[in-house]
């Protein structure tokens, strides 16, 4: 009975790849040029960790925004300027 109840339990909708575009997050593992890193994205359903690429050096802890989505597990990020000064 428990297995049957768990199979039919309602869940929230799964994020599609396009839903990740313009998401904010923080770098967990810094991406190097041509190598993947990891970023923790702030999503309404909770934080999501995905692989990331970047054209710039981003140290761990840097605030980022998703600028391109390759798949639901790989995004391209850039530094986010929280103060609006033009400098990340």
N, C-alpha and C. Protein backbone atom coordinates (compact mmCIF):
# COMPACT_ATOMS: atom_id res chain seq x y z
N UNK A 1 0.82 -1.20 0.00
CA UNK A 1 0.00 0.00 0.00
C UNK A 1 0.86 1.26 0.00
N UNK A 2 1.93 1.22 0.78
CA UNK A 2 2.80 2.39 0.87
C UNK A 2 3.44 2.71 -0.48
N UNK A 3 3.89 1.70 -1.20
CA UNK A 3 4.49 1.91 -2.53
C UNK A 3 3.47 2.51 -3.49
N UNK A 4 2.25 2.00 -3.45
CA UNK A 4 1.20 2.51 -4.32
C UNK A 4 0.90 3.97 -4.02
N UNK A 5 0.87 4.33 -2.74
CA UNK A 5 0.60 5.71 -2.35
C UNK A 5 1.74 6.63 -2.79
N UNK A 6 2.97 6.16 -2.68
CA UNK A 6 4.12 6.97 -3.08
C UNK A 6 4.16 7.17 -4.60
N UNK A 7 3.74 6.17 -5.37
CA UNK A 7 3.74 6.29 -6.82
C UNK A 7 2.78 7.36 -7.31
N UNK A 8 1.70 7.58 -6.61
CA UNK A 8 0.68 8.53 -7.06
C UNK A 8 0.70 9.83 -6.27
N UNK A 9 1.77 10.06 -5.51
CA UNK A 9 1.88 11.27 -4.72
C UNK A 9 2.15 12.47 -5.64
N UNK A 10 1.40 13.56 -5.50
CA UNK A 10 1.63 14.72 -6.38
C UNK A 10 2.96 15.41 -6.04
N UNK A 11 3.63 15.90 -7.05
CA UNK A 11 4.88 16.63 -6.88
C UNK A 11 4.79 17.95 -7.63
N UNK A 12 5.68 18.84 -7.33
CA UNK A 12 5.73 20.12 -8.04
C UNK A 12 6.25 19.93 -9.45
N UNK A 13 6.01 20.90 -10.31
CA UNK A 13 6.49 20.78 -11.69
C UNK A 13 8.02 20.84 -11.74
N UNK A 14 8.60 20.07 -12.63
CA UNK A 14 10.04 20.05 -12.82
C UNK A 14 10.45 21.25 -13.68
N UNK A 15 11.56 21.91 -13.31
CA UNK A 15 12.05 23.03 -14.10
C UNK A 15 12.50 22.56 -15.47
N UNK A 16 12.05 23.24 -16.52
CA UNK A 16 12.53 22.98 -17.87
C UNK A 16 13.82 23.77 -18.06
N UNK A 17 14.58 23.44 -19.08
CA UNK A 17 15.84 24.13 -19.33
C UNK A 17 15.62 25.63 -19.49
N UNK A 18 14.57 26.03 -20.18
CA UNK A 18 14.31 27.46 -20.40
C UNK A 18 13.99 28.19 -19.10
N UNK A 19 13.50 27.49 -18.09
CA UNK A 19 13.17 28.13 -16.81
C UNK A 19 14.42 28.60 -16.06
N UNK A 20 15.58 28.05 -16.40
CA UNK A 20 16.82 28.42 -15.71
C UNK A 20 17.40 29.74 -16.21
N UNK A 21 17.01 30.19 -17.40
CA UNK A 21 17.53 31.43 -17.97
C UNK A 21 17.23 32.59 -17.04
N UNK A 22 18.22 33.43 -16.79
CA UNK A 22 18.14 34.62 -15.92
C UNK A 22 18.01 34.26 -14.44
N UNK A 23 18.35 33.04 -14.06
CA UNK A 23 18.36 32.65 -12.65
C UNK A 23 19.61 33.20 -11.98
N UNK A 24 19.49 33.55 -10.71
CA UNK A 24 20.63 34.02 -9.93
C UNK A 24 21.20 32.87 -9.13
N UNK A 25 22.49 32.96 -8.83
CA UNK A 25 23.11 31.93 -8.03
C UNK A 25 24.50 32.34 -7.59
N UNK A 26 25.23 31.37 -7.05
CA UNK A 26 26.61 31.58 -6.58
C UNK A 26 27.48 30.43 -7.08
N UNK A 27 28.74 30.77 -7.40
CA UNK A 27 29.70 29.77 -7.87
C UNK A 27 30.11 28.88 -6.70
N UNK A 28 30.04 27.56 -6.91
CA UNK A 28 30.47 26.59 -5.92
C UNK A 28 31.87 26.09 -6.28
N UNK A 29 32.02 25.64 -7.52
CA UNK A 29 33.31 25.21 -8.05
C UNK A 29 33.65 26.13 -9.21
N UNK A 30 34.74 26.91 -9.13
CA UNK A 30 35.05 27.88 -10.18
C UNK A 30 35.27 27.23 -11.53
N UNK A 31 34.63 27.77 -12.58
CA UNK A 31 34.88 27.25 -13.93
C UNK A 31 36.18 27.85 -14.47
N UNK A 32 36.99 27.04 -15.13
CA UNK A 32 38.20 27.53 -15.79
C UNK A 32 37.89 27.62 -17.29
N UNK A 33 38.70 28.33 -18.03
CA UNK A 33 38.46 28.45 -19.47
C UNK A 33 38.46 27.07 -20.10
N UNK A 34 37.36 26.72 -20.75
CA UNK A 34 37.23 25.43 -21.40
C UNK A 34 36.91 24.28 -20.46
N UNK A 35 36.68 24.56 -19.18
CA UNK A 35 36.37 23.51 -18.21
C UNK A 35 35.10 23.86 -17.46
N UNK A 36 34.40 22.84 -17.02
CA UNK A 36 33.15 23.04 -16.29
C UNK A 36 33.42 23.42 -14.84
N UNK A 37 32.50 24.18 -14.29
CA UNK A 37 32.47 24.46 -12.86
C UNK A 37 31.09 24.09 -12.37
N UNK A 38 30.76 24.49 -11.15
CA UNK A 38 29.42 24.24 -10.60
C UNK A 38 28.87 25.52 -10.01
N UNK A 39 27.57 25.70 -10.16
CA UNK A 39 26.89 26.87 -9.62
C UNK A 39 25.63 26.41 -8.90
N UNK A 40 25.33 27.06 -7.79
CA UNK A 40 24.12 26.77 -7.02
C UNK A 40 23.12 27.86 -7.34
N UNK A 41 22.04 27.49 -8.04
CA UNK A 41 21.04 28.45 -8.49
C UNK A 41 19.90 28.56 -7.48
N UNK A 42 19.42 29.78 -7.28
CA UNK A 42 18.27 30.02 -6.41
C UNK A 42 17.00 29.84 -7.25
N UNK A 43 16.24 28.80 -6.97
CA UNK A 43 15.00 28.52 -7.69
C UNK A 43 13.85 28.54 -6.70
N UNK A 44 12.62 28.83 -7.16
CA UNK A 44 11.47 28.87 -6.25
C UNK A 44 11.24 27.57 -5.47
N UNK A 45 11.54 26.44 -6.08
CA UNK A 45 11.33 25.15 -5.42
C UNK A 45 12.49 24.79 -4.50
N UNK A 46 13.57 25.58 -4.53
CA UNK A 46 14.74 25.31 -3.71
C UNK A 46 16.00 25.40 -4.54
N UNK A 47 17.15 25.40 -3.89
CA UNK A 47 18.41 25.53 -4.63
C UNK A 47 18.67 24.32 -5.52
N UNK A 48 19.30 24.60 -6.68
CA UNK A 48 19.63 23.56 -7.65
C UNK A 48 21.09 23.74 -8.06
N UNK A 49 21.89 22.67 -7.97
CA UNK A 49 23.29 22.74 -8.38
C UNK A 49 23.42 22.15 -9.78
N UNK A 50 24.02 22.94 -10.69
CA UNK A 50 24.21 22.50 -12.07
C UNK A 50 25.63 22.83 -12.51
N UNK A 51 26.07 22.21 -13.58
CA UNK A 51 27.37 22.50 -14.18
C UNK A 51 27.29 23.84 -14.90
N UNK A 52 28.42 24.54 -14.96
CA UNK A 52 28.41 25.84 -15.63
C UNK A 52 29.69 26.07 -16.42
N UNK A 53 29.57 26.97 -17.38
CA UNK A 53 30.69 27.47 -18.17
C UNK A 53 30.70 28.98 -18.04
N UNK A 54 31.88 29.60 -18.25
CA UNK A 54 31.96 31.05 -18.21
C UNK A 54 33.12 31.51 -19.07
N UNK A 55 32.99 32.70 -19.66
CA UNK A 55 34.06 33.27 -20.47
C UNK A 55 35.04 34.07 -19.61
N UNK A 56 34.76 34.18 -18.31
CA UNK A 56 35.60 34.96 -17.41
C UNK A 56 35.93 34.13 -16.18
N UNK A 57 36.99 34.53 -15.48
CA UNK A 57 37.34 33.84 -14.24
C UNK A 57 36.36 34.24 -13.15
N UNK A 58 35.78 33.25 -12.51
CA UNK A 58 34.81 33.48 -11.44
C UNK A 58 35.23 32.69 -10.22
N UNK A 59 35.74 33.36 -9.19
CA UNK A 59 36.12 32.62 -7.97
C UNK A 59 34.89 32.08 -7.24
N UNK A 60 35.11 31.10 -6.40
CA UNK A 60 34.02 30.52 -5.60
C UNK A 60 33.36 31.62 -4.78
N UNK A 61 32.02 31.57 -4.71
CA UNK A 61 31.26 32.55 -3.96
C UNK A 61 30.79 33.74 -4.77
N UNK A 62 31.23 33.87 -6.01
CA UNK A 62 30.83 34.99 -6.86
C UNK A 62 29.35 34.90 -7.20
N UNK A 63 28.63 36.02 -7.09
CA UNK A 63 27.22 36.07 -7.49
C UNK A 63 27.18 36.06 -9.02
N UNK A 64 26.33 35.20 -9.59
CA UNK A 64 26.25 35.06 -11.04
C UNK A 64 24.80 35.07 -11.50
N UNK A 65 24.64 35.26 -12.81
CA UNK A 65 23.33 35.16 -13.45
C UNK A 65 23.49 34.28 -14.68
N UNK A 66 22.49 33.47 -14.96
CA UNK A 66 22.52 32.55 -16.11
C UNK A 66 22.20 33.35 -17.37
N UNK A 67 23.11 33.29 -18.37
CA UNK A 67 22.91 34.01 -19.62
C UNK A 67 22.60 33.09 -20.79
N UNK A 68 22.83 31.78 -20.63
CA UNK A 68 22.52 30.82 -21.68
C UNK A 68 22.30 29.46 -21.04
N UNK A 69 21.38 28.71 -21.61
CA UNK A 69 21.06 27.37 -21.09
C UNK A 69 21.31 26.36 -22.21
N UNK A 70 22.29 25.49 -22.00
CA UNK A 70 22.59 24.43 -22.96
C UNK A 70 21.66 23.24 -22.74
N UNK A 71 21.47 22.88 -21.47
CA UNK A 71 20.55 21.80 -21.10
C UNK A 71 20.08 22.07 -19.67
N UNK A 72 19.26 21.19 -19.13
CA UNK A 72 18.78 21.40 -17.77
C UNK A 72 19.87 21.18 -16.72
N UNK A 73 21.04 20.70 -17.16
CA UNK A 73 22.14 20.48 -16.22
C UNK A 73 23.41 21.26 -16.58
N UNK A 74 23.38 22.09 -17.64
CA UNK A 74 24.55 22.87 -18.05
C UNK A 74 24.11 24.26 -18.47
N UNK A 75 24.68 25.28 -17.81
CA UNK A 75 24.34 26.67 -18.10
C UNK A 75 25.63 27.48 -18.30
N UNK A 76 25.48 28.63 -18.95
CA UNK A 76 26.57 29.59 -19.08
C UNK A 76 26.23 30.76 -18.18
N UNK A 77 27.20 31.18 -17.36
CA UNK A 77 26.96 32.24 -16.40
C UNK A 77 27.93 33.39 -16.59
N UNK A 78 27.55 34.53 -16.04
CA UNK A 78 28.43 35.69 -15.96
C UNK A 78 28.26 36.32 -14.59
N UNK A 79 29.26 37.07 -14.17
CA UNK A 79 29.20 37.71 -12.85
C UNK A 79 28.04 38.69 -12.82
N UNK A 80 27.36 38.77 -11.68
CA UNK A 80 26.23 39.67 -11.50
C UNK A 80 26.66 40.82 -10.61
N UNK A 81 26.45 42.04 -11.10
CA UNK A 81 26.80 43.25 -10.36
C UNK A 81 25.63 43.64 -9.48
N UNK A 82 25.68 43.26 -8.22
CA UNK A 82 24.57 43.51 -7.30
C UNK A 82 24.38 44.99 -6.99
N UNK A 83 25.42 45.79 -7.09
CA UNK A 83 25.35 47.20 -6.74
C UNK A 83 25.03 48.09 -7.95
N UNK A 84 25.06 47.54 -9.16
CA UNK A 84 24.75 48.34 -10.35
C UNK A 84 25.83 49.34 -10.70
N UNK A 85 27.09 49.04 -10.37
CA UNK A 85 28.19 49.97 -10.62
C UNK A 85 28.88 49.74 -11.95
N UNK A 86 28.50 48.68 -12.66
CA UNK A 86 29.16 48.37 -13.92
C UNK A 86 30.35 47.46 -13.74
N UNK A 87 30.77 47.21 -12.51
CA UNK A 87 31.88 46.31 -12.20
C UNK A 87 31.34 45.11 -11.44
N UNK A 88 31.61 43.87 -11.93
CA UNK A 88 31.13 42.70 -11.19
C UNK A 88 31.83 42.50 -9.88
